Amino acid sequence: MSSRILHRSSSAPTVAPSDPVADTIGLLRPRTEAHPGLHAAAPWAVRFDAFDFVKIGCAVRGACWLVVEGREPLYLKEGDFYLLKSPGPHTLASSLTAMPQPGRELFESASQGVARIGAEADETNYVCMASLWFDEANAPLLLEILPSLVHLPATNPLIRHVAYITELLGIEVESRAVGRSLVLDHLAQIMFVQVLRAHVAQTDQPTGWLGALSDDGIGAALRAMHADVAHRWTLRELAAISHLSRSAFAAKFKKEVGVAPLEYLIQWRMSLARDALRRDTRSISELAFATGYESESAFSTAFRRVVGVSPREFRHGARRAASAASGFHPEAAVSA
């Protein structure tokens, strides 16, 4: 649970440093899989199934094609990175005419962290890939603002930071050292964040709150809301932090983030609340106080408006889902 709802302030706070990206990814509860390195000799092609979340990859050695159904093929030069959001079936290939083989079967047959096509001596390509799964309830916080495809060419000056991570990821995938799974998980997440950073830096007008963070004014207001989610923020306070008039701040915030400032704050509070309710970490009255509401009833009204059910109904549903997932049924236990 984010530490941003541990306290409550009633007067204008002294805002501590905050990182909305870290806060959001913390709520997403990312799970990662660093796939075996794909070493291939031309001609080759590998087809992957549709995926609900995010895939990232790099053409570490050699160039190849990335073909996503419904899009024009993308030619990846050596050193290029890509990010796919909720992609349909997609293919990596040395040429557009090569016959693809199933990626799942290829990776299942991998040996010592390497999936190989053709003879090792003839290899022309090496592709590094990872998949990231997110908590479904909060996944829209990020997925709604990401483009379906991010392409970061090797010429991007920020890409060298990601290349270092990719090199480490490739080494770790092929190792059997103690703690390998933990290291791979962290490296894949670092790679993901670095790709996000590079994407924002190379985009003239990034979408949503992710892009707004680079704006000195709007970014400062976003960080302030995340740093003290329990404070009863007013439009005047947030505009002052951004060094704008209230009207100019409200208009600029909505243009860059997509929603009004106080609506963004409510949505973020409810994301934190859903996470706490699902994990059963505090009472509803405690949660109301921690997210800036004077009473449990005021919190419940806001929660129902955003989520569609009351906090108690949401918690009950989360408990039932957790019991079903674990195979434990309270009624059966009582009858036994």
Protein backbone atom coordinates (compact mmCIF):
# COMPACT_ATOMS: atom_id res chain seq x y z
CA MET A 1 0.00 0.00 0.00
CA SER A 2 1.38 3.41 -0.89
CA SER A 3 2.86 5.38 1.98
CA ARG A 4 1.10 8.43 0.60
CA ILE A 5 -2.02 7.75 2.71
CA LEU A 6 -0.36 7.22 6.06
CA HIS A 7 -1.10 10.68 7.46
CA ARG A 8 -3.60 13.48 7.25
CA SER A 9 -2.98 17.22 7.09
CA SER A 10 -5.57 19.94 7.41
CA SER A 11 -3.50 23.03 6.56
CA ALA A 12 -1.43 23.66 3.44
CA PRO A 13 1.35 21.08 3.67
CA THR A 14 5.05 21.39 3.18
CA VAL A 15 5.23 19.08 0.20
CA ALA A 16 7.81 16.33 0.39
CA PRO A 17 9.34 14.87 -2.77
CA SER A 18 7.03 12.43 -4.49
CA ASP A 19 7.22 10.20 -7.54
CA PRO A 20 3.85 9.55 -9.21
CA VAL A 21 5.44 7.01 -11.56
CA ALA A 22 6.73 4.97 -8.62
CA ASP A 23 3.39 5.36 -6.82
CA THR A 24 1.45 4.15 -9.85
CA ILE A 25 3.71 1.24 -10.69
CA GLY A 26 3.55 0.23 -7.02
CA LEU A 27 -0.24 -0.01 -7.33
CA LEU A 28 0.08 -1.99 -10.56
CA ARG A 29 1.87 -4.80 -8.66
CA PRO A 30 3.91 -5.67 -11.78
CA ARG A 31 4.88 -9.26 -12.43
CA THR A 32 7.55 -9.80 -15.02
CA GLU A 33 8.94 -12.55 -17.16
CA ALA A 34 12.29 -12.09 -18.87
CA HIS A 35 12.07 -14.45 -21.84
CA PRO A 36 14.96 -16.56 -23.08
CA GLY A 37 17.22 -14.66 -25.44
CA LEU A 38 16.20 -15.27 -29.06
CA HIS A 39 19.27 -16.18 -31.14
CA ALA A 40 18.42 -16.79 -34.78
CA ALA A 41 19.96 -17.47 -38.17
CA ALA A 42 18.12 -16.01 -41.17
CA PRO A 43 15.60 -16.74 -42.49
CA TRP A 44 13.50 -16.86 -39.32
CA ALA A 45 10.15 -15.67 -37.94
CA VAL A 46 8.44 -16.15 -34.56
CA ARG A 47 4.75 -15.52 -33.92
CA PHE A 48 3.49 -14.55 -30.46
CA ASP A 49 -0.04 -14.68 -29.07
CA ALA A 50 -2.10 -11.64 -28.09
CA PHE A 51 -1.22 -10.24 -24.68
CA ASP A 52 -3.33 -8.11 -22.31
CA PHE A 53 -0.56 -6.00 -20.79
CA VAL A 54 2.93 -4.84 -21.88
CA LYS A 55 5.75 -6.43 -23.85
CA ILE A 56 9.15 -4.81 -24.28
CA GLY A 57 12.09 -5.85 -26.40
CA CYS A 58 15.31 -4.86 -28.11
CA ALA A 59 17.03 -5.90 -31.33
CA VAL A 60 20.36 -6.34 -29.55
CA ARG A 61 22.18 -7.73 -32.58
CA GLY A 62 21.03 -7.52 -36.17
CA ALA A 63 17.89 -5.91 -37.61
CA CYS A 64 14.44 -7.50 -37.84
CA TRP A 65 10.78 -6.77 -38.54
CA LEU A 66 8.08 -6.32 -35.92
CA VAL A 67 4.65 -7.07 -37.37
CA VAL A 68 1.54 -6.41 -35.25
CA GLU A 69 -1.85 -7.27 -36.70
CA GLY A 70 -3.63 -4.13 -37.84
CA ARG A 71 -0.43 -2.04 -38.11
CA GLU A 72 2.19 -1.39 -40.75
CA PRO A 73 5.31 -3.54 -40.23
CA LEU A 74 8.05 -1.79 -38.25
CA TYR A 75 11.69 -2.30 -39.17
CA LEU A 76 13.83 -2.53 -36.05
CA LYS A 77 17.45 -1.61 -36.58
CA GLU A 78 20.18 -2.98 -34.37
CA GLY A 79 19.88 -1.37 -30.94
CA ASP A 80 16.24 -0.27 -31.37
CA PHE A 81 13.76 -0.85 -28.54
CA TYR A 82 10.03 -1.37 -28.72
CA LEU A 83 7.12 -1.45 -26.27
CA LEU A 84 3.75 -3.01 -27.11
CA LYS A 85 0.62 -2.26 -25.12
CA SER A 86 -2.05 -4.97 -25.13
CA PRO A 87 -0.88 -6.24 -28.51
CA GLY A 88 -2.80 -8.63 -30.68
CA PRO A 89 -0.94 -11.50 -32.33
CA HIS A 90 2.46 -10.24 -33.45
CA THR A 91 5.57 -11.51 -35.19
CA LEU A 92 9.30 -10.87 -35.11
CA ALA A 93 11.06 -11.89 -38.32
CA SER A 94 14.21 -11.54 -40.36
CA SER A 95 12.03 -10.94 -43.43
CA LEU A 96 8.35 -10.41 -44.16
CA THR A 97 8.24 -13.60 -46.24
CA ALA A 98 9.70 -15.99 -43.63
CA MET A 99 7.28 -18.60 -42.26
CA PRO A 100 6.73 -18.05 -38.53
CA GLN A 101 6.92 -20.68 -35.83
CA PRO A 102 5.01 -20.44 -32.51
CA GLY A 103 6.85 -18.42 -29.88
CA ARG A 104 5.44 -20.39 -26.96
CA GLU A 105 6.86 -23.66 -28.23
CA LEU A 106 10.18 -22.07 -29.08
CA PHE A 107 10.62 -20.59 -25.60
CA GLU A 108 9.53 -23.82 -23.92
CA SER A 109 12.32 -25.60 -25.78
CA ALA A 110 14.94 -23.03 -24.70
CA SER A 111 18.16 -24.32 -23.17
CA GLN A 112 20.23 -22.40 -20.61
CA GLY A 113 18.27 -19.20 -21.21
CA VAL A 114 18.61 -19.28 -25.01
CA ALA A 115 15.96 -20.01 -27.65
CA ARG A 116 17.80 -20.80 -30.86
CA ILE A 117 16.69 -20.94 -34.51
CA GLY A 118 19.23 -22.38 -36.90
CA ALA A 119 22.88 -23.18 -36.29
CA GLU A 120 24.78 -21.14 -33.72
CA ALA A 121 27.58 -20.47 -36.18
CA ASP A 122 25.11 -18.85 -38.62
CA GLU A 123 23.32 -16.56 -36.13
CA THR A 124 22.50 -13.09 -37.45
CA ASN A 125 20.09 -11.86 -34.77
CA TYR A 126 19.74 -11.63 -31.02
CA VAL A 127 16.50 -10.24 -29.56
CA CYS A 128 15.93 -9.61 -25.84
CA MET A 129 12.30 -9.62 -24.63
CA ALA A 130 10.25 -9.33 -21.45
CA SER A 131 6.53 -9.38 -20.55
CA LEU A 132 4.88 -7.42 -17.75
CA TRP A 133 1.56 -8.26 -16.11
CA PHE A 134 -0.30 -5.70 -13.98
CA ASP A 135 -3.00 -5.79 -11.34
CA GLU A 136 -6.15 -5.70 -13.48
CA ALA A 137 -8.07 -3.31 -11.21
CA ASN A 138 -5.41 -0.60 -11.50
CA ALA A 139 -3.87 -1.41 -14.89
CA PRO A 140 -5.90 1.35 -16.64
CA LEU A 141 -3.93 3.97 -14.65
CA LEU A 142 -1.04 3.31 -16.99
CA LEU A 143 -2.45 1.44 -19.97
CA GLU A 144 -4.93 4.19 -20.82
CA ILE A 145 -2.14 6.72 -21.38
CA LEU A 146 0.33 4.52 -23.23
CA PRO A 147 0.31 4.35 -27.03
CA SER A 148 -0.18 0.90 -28.51
CA LEU A 149 3.39 0.95 -29.86
CA VAL A 150 6.49 2.79 -28.66
CA HIS A 151 9.54 2.68 -30.92
CA LEU A 152 12.82 3.96 -29.51
CA PRO A 153 15.55 4.07 -32.18
CA ALA A 154 19.13 3.35 -31.18
CA THR A 155 19.96 6.95 -32.10
CA ASN A 156 17.88 8.24 -29.16
CA PRO A 157 20.50 9.71 -26.76
CA LEU A 158 18.66 8.29 -23.73
CA ILE A 159 18.63 4.76 -25.08
CA ARG A 160 22.16 4.00 -23.91
CA HIS A 161 20.85 3.81 -20.33
CA VAL A 162 18.37 1.13 -21.40
CA ALA A 163 21.06 -0.69 -23.38
CA TYR A 164 23.10 -1.20 -20.21
CA ILE A 165 20.09 -2.82 -18.53
CA THR A 166 19.47 -5.01 -21.58
CA GLU A 167 23.05 -6.25 -21.48
CA LEU A 168 22.67 -7.20 -17.82
CA LEU A 169 19.30 -8.81 -18.51
CA GLY A 170 20.80 -10.94 -21.27
CA ILE A 171 23.64 -12.08 -19.03
CA GLU A 172 21.28 -12.93 -16.18
CA VAL A 173 18.82 -14.82 -18.41
CA GLU A 174 21.61 -17.17 -19.44
CA SER A 175 23.01 -17.59 -15.92
CA ARG A 176 21.98 -19.96 -13.16
CA ALA A 177 23.30 -17.85 -10.28
CA VAL A 178 21.59 -17.68 -6.89
CA GLY A 179 18.83 -15.05 -6.82
CA ARG A 180 18.46 -15.11 -10.60
CA SER A 181 14.64 -14.72 -10.61
CA LEU A 182 14.77 -11.71 -8.27
CA VAL A 183 17.44 -10.00 -10.35
CA LEU A 184 15.55 -10.66 -13.59
CA ASP A 185 12.34 -9.24 -12.10
CA HIS A 186 14.05 -6.01 -11.07
CA LEU A 187 16.00 -5.64 -14.31
CA ALA A 188 12.83 -6.07 -16.40
CA GLN A 189 11.06 -3.40 -14.33
CA ILE A 190 14.02 -1.02 -14.61
CA MET A 191 14.07 -1.60 -18.36
CA PHE A 192 10.35 -0.79 -18.50
CA VAL A 193 10.74 2.48 -16.56
CA GLN A 194 13.71 3.53 -18.67
CA VAL A 195 11.73 2.91 -21.86
CA LEU A 196 8.89 5.05 -20.43
CA ARG A 197 11.35 7.84 -19.66
CA ALA A 198 12.85 7.74 -23.13
CA HIS A 199 9.38 7.68 -24.70
CA VAL A 200 8.28 10.79 -22.79
CA ALA A 201 11.52 12.58 -23.66
CA GLN A 202 11.22 11.91 -27.40
CA THR A 203 7.50 12.74 -27.68
CA ASP A 204 6.41 16.33 -28.35
CA GLN A 205 3.10 15.95 -26.51
CA PRO A 206 2.96 12.78 -24.39
CA THR A 207 -0.52 11.71 -23.35
CA GLY A 208 -1.93 12.04 -19.83
CA TRP A 209 -0.29 12.46 -16.45
CA LEU A 210 2.90 10.70 -17.54
CA GLY A 211 3.71 13.44 -20.01
CA ALA A 212 2.48 16.19 -17.67
CA LEU A 213 5.15 15.27 -15.12
CA SER A 214 7.77 16.91 -17.32
CA ASP A 215 5.91 20.23 -17.09
CA ASP A 216 7.40 22.28 -14.25
CA GLY A 217 4.01 23.67 -13.23
CA ILE A 218 1.55 20.83 -13.75
CA GLY A 219 4.16 18.27 -12.75
CA ALA A 220 4.68 20.07 -9.44
CA ALA A 221 0.93 19.93 -8.72
CA LEU A 222 0.77 16.23 -9.55
CA ARG A 223 3.70 15.51 -7.23
CA ALA A 224 2.06 17.53 -4.47
CA MET A 225 -1.18 15.55 -4.69
CA HIS A 226 0.71 12.27 -4.56
CA ALA A 227 2.93 13.44 -1.71
CA ASP A 228 -0.03 14.25 0.57
CA VAL A 229 -3.15 12.53 -0.71
CA ALA A 230 -4.94 13.14 2.61
CA HIS A 231 -4.68 16.92 2.41
CA ARG A 232 -7.91 18.66 1.42
CA TRP A 233 -6.45 20.24 -1.69
CA THR A 234 -8.11 23.28 -3.21
CA LEU A 235 -7.77 24.56 -6.74
CA ARG A 236 -6.17 27.73 -5.32
CA GLU A 237 -3.42 25.75 -3.53
CA LEU A 238 -2.60 23.60 -6.55
CA ALA A 239 -2.55 26.62 -8.86
CA ALA A 240 -0.16 28.40 -6.48
CA ILE A 241 2.19 25.41 -6.53
CA SER A 242 2.12 25.57 -10.34
CA HIS A 243 2.65 29.37 -10.32
CA LEU A 244 -0.47 29.88 -12.40
CA SER A 245 -3.82 31.54 -11.90
CA ARG A 246 -6.66 29.20 -10.99
CA SER A 247 -8.30 29.44 -14.40
CA ALA A 248 -5.04 29.00 -16.32
CA PHE A 249 -4.02 26.08 -14.10
CA ALA A 250 -7.39 24.32 -14.44
CA ALA A 251 -7.38 24.68 -18.22
CA LYS A 252 -3.76 23.58 -18.63
CA PHE A 253 -4.11 20.63 -16.26
CA LYS A 254 -7.18 19.30 -18.07
CA LYS A 255 -5.52 19.75 -21.45
CA GLU A 256 -2.38 17.86 -20.42
CA VAL A 257 -3.77 15.23 -18.06
CA GLY A 258 -7.22 14.73 -19.57
CA VAL A 259 -9.31 15.42 -16.47
CA ALA A 260 -9.81 18.35 -14.09
CA PRO A 261 -7.31 18.63 -11.19
CA LEU A 262 -9.67 17.69 -8.36
CA GLU A 263 -11.19 14.88 -10.43
CA TYR A 264 -7.70 13.46 -10.92
CA LEU A 265 -7.19 13.66 -7.15
CA ILE A 266 -10.44 11.79 -6.49
CA GLN A 267 -9.54 9.08 -9.01
CA TRP A 268 -6.11 8.62 -7.45
CA ARG A 269 -7.59 8.45 -3.95
CA MET A 270 -10.05 5.80 -5.08
CA SER A 271 -7.26 3.78 -6.69
CA LEU A 272 -5.44 3.78 -3.35
CA ALA A 273 -8.68 2.91 -1.58
CA ARG A 274 -9.45 -0.03 -3.87
CA ASP A 275 -5.97 -1.37 -3.28
CA ALA A 276 -6.34 -1.09 0.52
CA LEU A 277 -9.81 -2.65 0.53
CA ARG A 278 -8.69 -5.59 -1.57
CA ARG A 279 -5.79 -6.19 0.78
CA ASP A 280 -7.94 -5.63 3.89
CA THR A 281 -5.27 -3.42 5.44
CA ARG A 282 -7.45 -0.92 7.35
CA SER A 283 -11.00 -0.16 8.40
CA ILE A 284 -13.23 1.91 6.14
CA SER A 285 -13.29 4.79 8.64
CA GLU A 286 -9.47 4.77 8.81
CA LEU A 287 -9.29 4.68 5.03
CA ALA A 288 -11.73 7.60 4.74
CA PHE A 289 -9.56 9.72 7.05
CA ALA A 290 -6.34 8.71 5.29
CA THR A 291 -7.67 9.71 1.85
CA GLY A 292 -8.86 13.17 2.83
CA TYR A 293 -12.51 12.72 3.80
CA GLU A 294 -14.16 14.13 6.91
CA SER A 295 -16.38 11.11 7.45
CA GLU A 296 -16.92 7.54 6.39
CA SER A 297 -20.19 8.52 4.71
CA ALA A 298 -18.49 11.20 2.57
CA PHE A 299 -15.82 8.71 1.56
CA SER A 300 -18.43 6.05 0.76
CA THR A 301 -20.37 8.47 -1.43
CA ALA A 302 -17.25 9.36 -3.42
CA PHE A 303 -16.20 5.72 -3.67
CA ARG A 304 -19.61 4.62 -4.97
CA ARG A 305 -19.59 7.42 -7.55
CA VAL A 306 -16.20 6.37 -8.94
CA VAL A 307 -16.25 2.59 -8.45
CA GLY A 308 -19.98 1.86 -8.71
CA VAL A 309 -20.38 0.00 -5.40
CA SER A 310 -19.92 0.90 -1.74
CA PRO A 311 -16.58 0.27 -0.01
CA ARG A 312 -18.14 -2.55 2.03
CA GLU A 313 -19.54 -4.22 -1.08
CA PHE A 314 -16.18 -3.88 -2.80
CA ARG A 315 -14.31 -5.38 0.16
CA HIS A 316 -16.80 -8.26 0.42
CA GLY A 317 -16.39 -9.01 -3.29
CA ALA A 318 -12.60 -8.89 -2.98
CA ARG A 319 -12.70 -11.33 -0.06
CA ARG A 320 -14.90 -13.75 -1.98
CA ALA A 321 -12.63 -13.54 -5.01
CA ALA A 322 -9.56 -14.20 -2.86
CA SER A 323 -11.26 -17.18 -1.22
CA ALA A 324 -12.26 -18.61 -4.60
CA ALA A 325 -8.72 -18.16 -5.93
CA SER A 326 -7.23 -19.96 -2.93
CA GLY A 327 -9.81 -22.75 -3.05
CA PHE A 328 -11.01 -21.90 0.48
CA HIS A 329 -14.77 -21.63 0.95
CA PRO A 330 -15.90 -20.28 4.36
CA GLU A 331 -19.29 -21.97 4.11
CA ALA A 332 -17.68 -25.36 3.54
CA ALA A 333 -15.33 -24.83 6.47
CA VAL A 334 -18.22 -24.00 8.80
CA SER A 335 -20.31 -27.00 7.71
CA ALA A 336 -17.34 -29.29 8.12
